[in-house]
Amino acid sequence: MSAQRIRRERLKDKLTMALDPESEFVISPCIAVCKMDPVTKLCEGCLRELQEIVRWGSLSTLQKKEVWGQIVQRMNVIKA
């Protein structure tokens, strides 16, 4: 299994926890692979833009879920 595929699997595992309707807490998408892709301008680990990473701690629960929604869209576009 490629390193990129392993990262996507880890991110999918976190996605399940992040979108749990029973939880008030939205888990961070960070999987400790903090490297920005120069082409996509997304983190190679969590698929967030730099501003999404920087602002994460100050986002509301709804905004965090919206970021997760963007990540899901990016996962569908950027195939591993």
Protein backbone atom coordinates (compact mmCIF):
# COMPACT_ATOMS: atom_id res chain seq x y z
CA MET A 1 0.00 0.00 0.00
CA SER A 2 1.39 3.43 -0.96
CA ALA A 3 2.16 6.06 1.65
CA GLN A 4 -0.50 8.32 0.16
CA ARG A 5 -3.11 5.58 0.39
CA ILE A 6 -2.19 4.94 4.03
CA ARG A 7 -2.60 8.66 4.76
CA ARG A 8 -6.04 8.66 3.12
CA GLU A 9 -7.12 5.65 5.19
CA ARG A 10 -6.04 7.42 8.39
CA LEU A 11 -7.94 10.51 7.30
CA LYS A 12 -11.07 8.44 6.55
CA ASP A 13 -10.87 6.92 10.05
CA LYS A 14 -10.81 10.42 11.55
CA LEU A 15 -13.69 11.48 9.29
CA THR A 16 -15.94 8.85 10.83
CA MET A 17 -15.22 10.22 14.30
CA ALA A 18 -15.47 13.86 13.19
CA LEU A 19 -18.94 13.55 11.74
CA ASP A 20 -20.42 11.53 14.61
CA PRO A 21 -23.78 13.23 15.24
CA GLU A 22 -23.65 12.20 18.92
CA SER A 23 -20.49 14.22 19.56
CA GLU A 24 -20.25 17.93 20.29
CA PHE A 25 -16.51 17.78 19.68
CA VAL A 26 -15.19 17.77 16.10
CA ILE A 27 -11.84 16.01 15.90
CA SER A 28 -9.03 17.67 13.99
CA PRO A 29 -8.20 16.20 10.59
CA CYS A 30 -4.47 16.40 11.37
CA ILE A 31 -2.68 13.07 10.93
CA ALA A 32 0.80 14.51 11.69
CA VAL A 33 1.94 14.60 8.06
CA CYS A 34 2.41 18.35 7.90
CA LYS A 35 3.72 19.09 4.44
CA MET A 36 2.11 21.54 2.02
CA ASP A 37 1.88 20.41 -1.58
CA PRO A 38 3.31 23.19 -3.79
CA VAL A 39 0.83 22.45 -6.60
CA THR A 40 -2.48 21.96 -4.76
CA LYS A 41 -1.58 24.23 -1.80
CA LEU A 42 -3.10 21.58 0.48
CA CYS A 43 -1.52 19.70 3.35
CA GLU A 44 -0.50 16.27 2.07
CA GLY A 45 -1.80 14.69 5.27
CA CYS A 46 -5.12 16.32 6.08
CA LEU A 47 -5.95 18.02 2.76
CA ARG A 48 -6.59 21.37 4.43
CA GLU A 49 -5.53 24.75 3.12
CA LEU A 50 -3.07 26.66 5.28
CA GLN A 51 -5.75 29.08 6.49
CA GLU A 52 -7.99 26.19 7.51
CA ILE A 53 -5.14 24.76 9.56
CA VAL A 54 -4.29 28.10 11.18
CA ARG A 55 -7.91 28.92 12.03
CA TRP A 56 -8.98 25.44 13.19
CA GLY A 57 -8.82 26.20 16.93
CA SER A 58 -11.07 29.24 16.61
CA LEU A 59 -13.72 27.70 14.35
CA SER A 60 -17.19 26.82 15.61
CA THR A 61 -18.42 23.23 15.52
CA LEU A 62 -20.43 24.00 12.38
CA GLN A 63 -17.42 25.60 10.67
CA LYS A 64 -15.24 22.60 11.55
CA LYS A 65 -17.82 20.28 10.01
CA GLU A 66 -17.82 22.49 6.91
CA VAL A 67 -14.03 22.12 6.67
CA TRP A 68 -14.49 18.35 6.93
CA GLY A 69 -16.98 18.63 4.08
CA GLN A 70 -14.34 20.37 1.98
CA ILE A 71 -11.87 17.63 2.86
CA VAL A 72 -14.32 14.97 1.68
CA GLN A 73 -14.71 16.81 -1.63
CA ARG A 74 -10.94 17.03 -1.99
CA MET A 75 -10.55 13.35 -1.22
CA ASN A 76 -12.93 12.60 -4.07
CA VAL A 77 -10.97 14.79 -6.49
CA ILE A 78 -7.46 13.79 -5.39
CA LYS A 79 -7.50 10.02 -5.80
CA ALA A 80 -4.86 7.98 -3.98
